[in-house]
Amino acid sequence: TQEIARMNALFKSAKLPLNAPKLGTEKYLALMQLDKKVADGQIRLVLQKAIGKAVITAEYDKVKLLQTLEAIA
């Protein structure tokens, strides 16, 4: 979509990586547990709804999170 292309362009202009390092699913989950957004042992994610619009939530599809981590890890 145009928003994804725009975000990629913004990342590139800021010299930010577009791909995550290959750390493994378990390592990502362990690191995510250390994040300040974890509450009561629940990982909360910052989900981008649109450019400039994000939400912090613990309500997300856990299976999709694992699938995503496996794909990038």
N, C-alpha and C. Protein backbone atom coordinates (compact mmCIF):
# COMPACT_ATOMS: atom_id res chain seq x y z
N THR A 1 0.84 -1.19 0.00
CA THR A 1 0.00 0.00 0.00
C THR A 1 0.88 1.25 0.00
N GLN A 2 0.23 2.37 -0.20
CA GLN A 2 0.97 3.63 -0.20
C GLN A 2 1.53 3.96 1.18
N GLU A 3 0.77 3.60 2.24
CA GLU A 3 1.26 3.88 3.59
C GLU A 3 2.52 3.08 3.90
N ILE A 4 2.56 1.82 3.48
CA ILE A 4 3.76 1.00 3.71
C ILE A 4 4.95 1.58 2.96
N ALA A 5 4.72 1.97 1.71
CA ALA A 5 5.80 2.58 0.92
C ALA A 5 6.27 3.87 1.58
N ARG A 6 5.34 4.65 2.11
CA ARG A 6 5.70 5.91 2.77
C ARG A 6 6.50 5.64 4.05
N MET A 7 6.07 4.65 4.83
CA MET A 7 6.80 4.33 6.06
C MET A 7 8.19 3.80 5.73
N ASN A 8 8.31 2.96 4.70
CA ASN A 8 9.62 2.46 4.29
C ASN A 8 10.53 3.61 3.88
N ALA A 9 9.98 4.57 3.15
CA ALA A 9 10.77 5.74 2.73
C ALA A 9 11.22 6.55 3.95
N LEU A 10 10.33 6.70 4.93
CA LEU A 10 10.69 7.43 6.15
C LEU A 10 11.80 6.70 6.91
N PHE A 11 11.70 5.38 7.01
CA PHE A 11 12.74 4.60 7.67
C PHE A 11 14.07 4.75 6.95
N LYS A 12 14.03 4.65 5.63
CA LYS A 12 15.26 4.77 4.84
C LYS A 12 15.88 6.15 5.01
N SER A 13 15.06 7.20 4.98
CA SER A 13 15.60 8.56 5.11
C SER A 13 16.21 8.79 6.49
N ALA A 14 15.71 8.07 7.49
CA ALA A 14 16.26 8.18 8.85
C ALA A 14 17.38 7.16 9.08
N LYS A 15 17.73 6.42 8.01
CA LYS A 15 18.78 5.40 8.09
C LYS A 15 18.46 4.32 9.13
N LEU A 16 17.17 3.95 9.22
CA LEU A 16 16.73 2.89 10.11
C LEU A 16 16.60 1.59 9.32
N PRO A 17 16.83 0.46 9.96
CA PRO A 17 16.73 -0.82 9.23
C PRO A 17 15.28 -1.14 8.86
N LEU A 18 15.11 -1.80 7.72
CA LEU A 18 13.79 -2.24 7.29
C LEU A 18 13.54 -3.70 7.67
N ASN A 19 14.61 -4.41 8.02
CA ASN A 19 14.49 -5.82 8.39
C ASN A 19 15.07 -6.04 9.79
N ALA A 20 14.41 -6.94 10.52
CA ALA A 20 14.86 -7.26 11.87
C ALA A 20 16.04 -8.24 11.81
N PRO A 21 16.94 -8.17 12.79
CA PRO A 21 18.05 -9.13 12.83
C PRO A 21 17.53 -10.54 13.10
N LYS A 22 18.25 -11.53 12.62
CA LYS A 22 17.88 -12.95 12.80
C LYS A 22 18.34 -13.41 14.18
N LEU A 23 17.46 -13.35 15.17
CA LEU A 23 17.81 -13.72 16.54
C LEU A 23 17.18 -15.02 16.99
N GLY A 24 16.13 -15.46 16.33
CA GLY A 24 15.39 -16.65 16.75
C GLY A 24 14.15 -16.25 17.54
N THR A 25 13.11 -17.04 17.39
CA THR A 25 11.83 -16.74 18.03
C THR A 25 11.95 -16.65 19.54
N GLU A 26 12.62 -17.62 20.16
CA GLU A 26 12.74 -17.64 21.63
C GLU A 26 13.47 -16.40 22.15
N LYS A 27 14.50 -15.96 21.45
CA LYS A 27 15.26 -14.77 21.85
C LYS A 27 14.37 -13.53 21.77
N TYR A 28 13.60 -13.42 20.67
CA TYR A 28 12.69 -12.28 20.55
C TYR A 28 11.68 -12.26 21.69
N LEU A 29 11.09 -13.43 21.99
CA LEU A 29 10.11 -13.49 23.08
C LEU A 29 10.75 -13.12 24.41
N ALA A 30 11.96 -13.60 24.65
CA ALA A 30 12.66 -13.27 25.90
C ALA A 30 12.93 -11.77 25.99
N LEU A 31 13.35 -11.17 24.89
CA LEU A 31 13.60 -9.73 24.88
C LEU A 31 12.31 -8.94 25.05
N MET A 32 11.24 -9.41 24.44
CA MET A 32 9.95 -8.73 24.56
C MET A 32 9.45 -8.76 26.00
N GLN A 33 9.76 -9.83 26.75
CA GLN A 33 9.36 -9.93 28.16
C GLN A 33 10.06 -8.88 29.02
N LEU A 34 11.19 -8.36 28.56
CA LEU A 34 11.94 -7.34 29.31
C LEU A 34 11.44 -5.93 29.04
N ASP A 35 10.56 -5.78 28.06
CA ASP A 35 10.10 -4.46 27.65
C ASP A 35 9.26 -3.79 28.74
N LYS A 36 9.36 -2.48 28.83
CA LYS A 36 8.62 -1.73 29.85
C LYS A 36 7.11 -1.78 29.67
N LYS A 37 6.64 -2.18 28.50
CA LYS A 37 5.20 -2.26 28.26
C LYS A 37 4.58 -3.55 28.78
N VAL A 38 5.40 -4.51 29.24
CA VAL A 38 4.87 -5.75 29.80
C VAL A 38 4.15 -5.40 31.10
N ALA A 39 2.91 -5.90 31.24
CA ALA A 39 2.13 -5.66 32.45
C ALA A 39 1.54 -6.99 32.92
N ASP A 40 1.77 -7.33 34.18
CA ASP A 40 1.27 -8.58 34.74
C ASP A 40 1.70 -9.79 33.91
N GLY A 41 2.92 -9.75 33.39
CA GLY A 41 3.45 -10.85 32.60
C GLY A 41 2.94 -10.91 31.18
N GLN A 42 2.08 -9.98 30.80
CA GLN A 42 1.51 -9.94 29.45
C GLN A 42 2.30 -8.99 28.56
N ILE A 43 2.74 -9.50 27.42
CA ILE A 43 3.41 -8.65 26.44
C ILE A 43 2.37 -7.74 25.81
N ARG A 44 2.63 -6.45 25.85
CA ARG A 44 1.76 -5.49 25.16
C ARG A 44 2.53 -4.98 23.96
N LEU A 45 1.83 -4.86 22.86
CA LEU A 45 2.46 -4.43 21.61
C LEU A 45 2.02 -3.02 21.24
N VAL A 46 2.89 -2.31 20.56
CA VAL A 46 2.53 -1.05 19.92
C VAL A 46 2.17 -1.41 18.49
N LEU A 47 0.90 -1.27 18.15
CA LEU A 47 0.43 -1.62 16.82
C LEU A 47 0.13 -0.35 16.03
N GLN A 48 0.72 -0.26 14.88
CA GLN A 48 0.56 0.89 14.00
C GLN A 48 -0.75 0.75 13.23
N LYS A 49 -1.70 1.66 13.45
CA LYS A 49 -2.97 1.65 12.73
C LYS A 49 -2.86 2.45 11.44
N ALA A 50 -2.10 3.52 11.48
CA ALA A 50 -1.82 4.38 10.33
C ALA A 50 -0.64 5.23 10.72
N ILE A 51 -0.08 5.95 9.77
CA ILE A 51 1.04 6.83 10.10
C ILE A 51 0.57 7.85 11.14
N GLY A 52 1.27 7.88 12.26
CA GLY A 52 0.92 8.80 13.33
C GLY A 52 -0.16 8.29 14.26
N LYS A 53 -0.67 7.08 14.02
CA LYS A 53 -1.74 6.53 14.87
C LYS A 53 -1.36 5.11 15.29
N ALA A 54 -1.00 4.99 16.56
CA ALA A 54 -0.60 3.70 17.10
C ALA A 54 -1.36 3.45 18.40
N VAL A 55 -1.50 2.17 18.75
CA VAL A 55 -2.14 1.80 20.01
C VAL A 55 -1.23 0.82 20.74
N ILE A 56 -1.28 0.86 22.06
CA ILE A 56 -0.58 -0.12 22.89
C ILE A 56 -1.64 -1.06 23.41
N THR A 57 -1.47 -2.36 23.15
CA THR A 57 -2.50 -3.32 23.53
C THR A 57 -1.93 -4.69 23.85
N ALA A 58 -2.63 -5.41 24.71
CA ALA A 58 -2.32 -6.81 24.99
C ALA A 58 -3.32 -7.70 24.27
N GLU A 59 -4.22 -7.08 23.52
CA GLU A 59 -5.24 -7.83 22.78
C GLU A 59 -4.81 -7.96 21.33
N TYR A 60 -4.19 -9.09 21.03
CA TYR A 60 -3.72 -9.39 19.68
C TYR A 60 -3.70 -10.90 19.53
N ASP A 61 -3.62 -11.36 18.32
CA ASP A 61 -3.61 -12.79 18.02
C ASP A 61 -2.23 -13.36 18.34
N LYS A 62 -2.14 -14.13 19.43
CA LYS A 62 -0.85 -14.67 19.87
C LYS A 62 -0.25 -15.62 18.83
N VAL A 63 -1.09 -16.36 18.13
CA VAL A 63 -0.61 -17.28 17.09
C VAL A 63 0.03 -16.48 15.96
N LYS A 64 -0.60 -15.38 15.57
CA LYS A 64 -0.03 -14.54 14.51
C LYS A 64 1.29 -13.92 14.95
N LEU A 65 1.39 -13.55 16.22
CA LEU A 65 2.66 -13.01 16.72
C LEU A 65 3.76 -14.06 16.57
N LEU A 66 3.49 -15.29 17.00
CA LEU A 66 4.49 -16.35 16.87
C LEU A 66 4.84 -16.62 15.41
N GLN A 67 3.83 -16.63 14.54
CA GLN A 67 4.09 -16.84 13.11
C GLN A 67 4.96 -15.73 12.55
N THR A 68 4.70 -14.51 12.97
CA THR A 68 5.49 -13.37 12.50
C THR A 68 6.93 -13.48 12.99
N LEU A 69 7.10 -13.81 14.26
CA LEU A 69 8.45 -13.96 14.81
C LEU A 69 9.20 -15.08 14.11
N GLU A 70 8.52 -16.19 13.85
CA GLU A 70 9.17 -17.30 13.14
C GLU A 70 9.58 -16.89 11.73
N ALA A 71 8.77 -16.05 11.09
CA ALA A 71 9.08 -15.62 9.72
C ALA A 71 10.28 -14.68 9.67
N ILE A 72 10.44 -13.84 10.70
CA ILE A 72 11.55 -12.87 10.66
C ILE A 72 12.77 -13.35 11.43
N ALA A 73 12.57 -14.28 12.36
CA ALA A 73 13.65 -14.69 13.24
C ALA A 73 14.63 -15.60 12.53
